[in-house]
Amino acid sequence: ESPLAAPGVFRYYYAPGNDFGGSIAGMHKKGYSDAEIDYLLDIMPQLQVLVKEGGQVAQKNAASAFGPGSDLPGMLSKYFASVSAGPHTEKTLIFAGTEANYCVLASVL
């Protein structure tokens, strides 16, 4: 369908003029400055305090945080080993998304 049929912010997201090819080079071609790109790729200001207090940030290149290319599984294993959390120890993970629930669902399911 048309981008005009998309709900909410996705109307802007899917508009043909907003496609930058998913790369930093593409963002430069669209006129984004290095500072703007850094801001867009950085941790949200509202979450930066958590990182400063020790929160961990995982990188992924697919929808699921547990998929190929994600460093989350290794980070979790290392963390749980450091706090002596064995296989039968109860663990709690909090999953949150910032735009849509697609990546959250792909990770949790």
Protein backbone atom coordinates (compact mmCIF):
# COMPACT_ATOMS: atom_id res chain seq x y z
CA GLU A 1 0.00 0.00 0.00
CA SER A 2 0.88 3.68 0.04
CA PRO A 3 2.92 5.24 2.88
CA LEU A 4 -0.16 7.41 3.45
CA ALA A 5 -2.00 4.28 4.61
CA ALA A 6 0.58 3.57 7.31
CA PRO A 7 -0.43 4.42 10.89
CA GLY A 8 1.23 7.12 12.99
CA VAL A 9 4.95 7.70 12.65
CA PHE A 10 5.22 4.88 10.11
CA ARG A 11 3.64 7.20 7.54
CA TYR A 12 6.85 9.27 7.71
CA TYR A 13 9.08 6.20 8.08
CA TYR A 14 7.81 4.56 4.87
CA ALA A 15 7.66 7.72 2.74
CA PRO A 16 9.96 7.22 -0.29
CA GLY A 17 11.80 10.50 0.31
CA ASN A 18 12.93 9.30 3.74
CA ASP A 19 14.74 6.16 2.58
CA PHE A 20 18.49 6.51 3.14
CA GLY A 21 19.48 2.92 2.42
CA GLY A 22 20.06 1.99 6.05
CA SER A 23 23.65 3.22 6.12
CA ILE A 24 25.62 6.12 7.54
CA ALA A 25 26.76 6.97 4.00
CA GLY A 26 23.09 7.12 3.00
CA MET A 27 22.37 9.46 5.90
CA HIS A 28 25.21 11.72 4.75
CA LYS A 29 23.70 11.74 1.23
CA LYS A 30 20.38 12.85 2.74
CA GLY A 31 22.16 15.80 4.37
CA TYR A 32 22.51 14.59 7.96
CA SER A 33 25.54 16.01 9.76
CA ASP A 34 27.92 13.82 11.77
CA ALA A 35 26.47 15.32 14.97
CA GLU A 36 22.91 14.46 13.90
CA ILE A 37 23.92 10.92 12.98
CA ASP A 38 25.70 10.47 16.32
CA TYR A 39 22.58 11.70 18.13
CA LEU A 40 20.31 9.32 16.20
CA LEU A 41 22.57 6.33 16.84
CA ASP A 42 23.22 7.11 20.51
CA ILE A 43 21.29 5.83 23.52
CA MET A 44 18.08 7.79 24.10
CA PRO A 45 18.70 10.64 26.57
CA GLN A 46 16.06 9.19 28.91
CA LEU A 47 18.02 5.91 29.13
CA GLN A 48 21.56 7.31 29.32
CA VAL A 49 21.39 7.54 33.13
CA LEU A 50 20.87 3.77 33.30
CA VAL A 51 23.99 3.16 31.23
CA LYS A 52 25.98 5.57 33.42
CA GLU A 53 24.85 3.52 36.44
CA GLY A 54 26.09 0.27 34.92
CA GLY A 55 23.35 -0.77 32.50
CA GLN A 56 24.64 -2.80 29.59
CA VAL A 57 23.94 -2.05 25.93
CA ALA A 58 23.86 -4.89 23.43
CA GLN A 59 24.28 -4.50 19.67
CA LYS A 60 22.29 -6.53 17.16
CA ASN A 61 21.84 -6.57 13.41
CA ALA A 62 18.57 -8.45 13.19
CA ALA A 63 15.13 -8.17 14.78
CA SER A 64 15.76 -10.63 17.60
CA ALA A 65 18.19 -9.73 20.36
CA PHE A 66 19.12 -13.43 20.44
CA GLY A 67 19.69 -13.82 16.68
CA PRO A 68 22.93 -14.12 14.73
CA GLY A 69 25.11 -11.05 15.11
CA SER A 70 23.76 -10.14 18.54
CA ASP A 71 26.15 -9.80 21.44
CA LEU A 72 23.36 -10.07 24.05
CA PRO A 73 23.58 -13.85 24.64
CA GLY A 74 27.29 -13.60 25.42
CA MET A 75 26.77 -10.56 27.62
CA LEU A 76 24.04 -12.35 29.59
CA SER A 77 26.15 -15.48 30.04
CA LYS A 78 29.08 -13.41 31.27
CA TYR A 79 26.89 -11.40 33.65
CA PHE A 80 25.07 -14.42 35.11
CA ALA A 81 28.39 -16.21 35.64
CA SER A 82 29.80 -13.14 37.43
CA VAL A 83 26.93 -13.14 39.94
CA SER A 84 26.96 -16.93 40.33
CA ALA A 85 23.49 -17.30 38.81
CA GLY A 86 23.29 -20.98 37.93
CA PRO A 87 20.86 -22.61 35.50
CA HIS A 88 18.18 -22.99 38.20
CA THR A 89 18.47 -19.43 39.50
CA GLU A 90 15.50 -17.20 38.75
CA LYS A 91 16.40 -14.42 36.34
CA THR A 92 14.39 -11.42 35.16
CA LEU A 93 14.87 -9.64 31.85
CA ILE A 94 12.99 -6.52 30.84
CA PHE A 95 12.38 -5.97 27.15
CA ALA A 96 11.34 -2.57 25.85
CA GLY A 97 10.93 -1.02 22.42
CA THR A 98 11.06 2.59 21.41
CA GLU A 99 9.06 2.68 18.18
CA ALA A 100 7.20 -0.56 17.51
CA ASN A 101 6.98 -3.92 19.21
CA TYR A 102 8.41 -5.94 16.30
CA CYS A 103 11.93 -6.37 17.71
CA VAL A 104 10.64 -6.92 21.23
CA LEU A 105 8.31 -9.70 20.05
CA ALA A 106 11.01 -11.25 17.88
CA SER A 107 13.30 -11.38 20.92
CA VAL A 108 10.79 -12.65 23.44
CA LEU A 109 9.05 -15.21 21.26
